[in-house]
Amino acid sequence: MVVRRIMSLRILLILSSLLLTSVSLSAEEFAVATFTRGKVSFLSSTDSSKLWKTLKVNDILKPGDRIKTGNGSKVDFLYQETEIRIQPNTDFTLKEWNSDKKIAKAYVQNGAAWFRVNDFKKGSFEVSTQTTTAGVRGTAFGVFYEEKEKKGYTCVCEGLVNINGTEFSKGTGGAVKLGASELEKNDYKGLITKEGATIQFQEKRKGNPMLSRCLPCHKPVGWEDTSFTPDETYGKK
């Protein structure tokens, strides 16, 4: 009896060790949720029940996983030095992820997501909406799709981003309306400083409502807006 108990205990310890190793390897291979606010739901590609579940800190984002955030909700993912920040009222899907070949593809069905890409210089990191495709190797940029306007936007925060075949630099961006082929070019240079969003930003936003998506990370300077929830994690990683 004693021998059997010892053997059973050893088997249990081995299985526990293998499980912990598997989780550790997965955490190194994929992006991990580091912060959540409000209710964030996800549909796992590996869950045969196909039921939406609540996403928690330390959950892993795998290829095929779909994320939905509600009003005031958000989630941050981190893979080495690459960040993925999914903003409120967003429907996001990770289409492809290969950490060995440094290839990633994501899709924003609706809403907004922000990316800082630092680990894909020998591969590619691509984010699409219904109308736009942004491809980068190492930079920071935001991708948005506004359902009311039926329009996809990409803005460049750092480096260079290829949007639908055209290269854009920091402080610029491109947009395409559903059903159109022409790429609308936008210039945001000087509208956001280290202190935050300027009064000139406020004026620009009147004709470009998408810019409101920038306010959680760039607080208004010299003017006020209470329609957004500040991103308490921006600039802290």
Foldseek 3Di string as FASTA:
>chain_A
DVVVVVVVVVVVVVVVVVVVVVLVVQPQQFWFWADKDDWKWKQDPPDPVRDIDTDDGGDTAAAFMKIAAAVPIWIWIDHPHKIKIFDHGWIKHWHDGGLVQLETEIETAAAKMKIFADRQQNHWYWYYYLQKIKIDRGAIKMWHAHPVQQKIKIAGCAAWIQIPNRIDHHQKIWMDHPPDDDIDIGGRPPQADPQFGEVVNVVVCVVPVVSVSVCLQGPYDPDDDDPDHHDPCPPVD
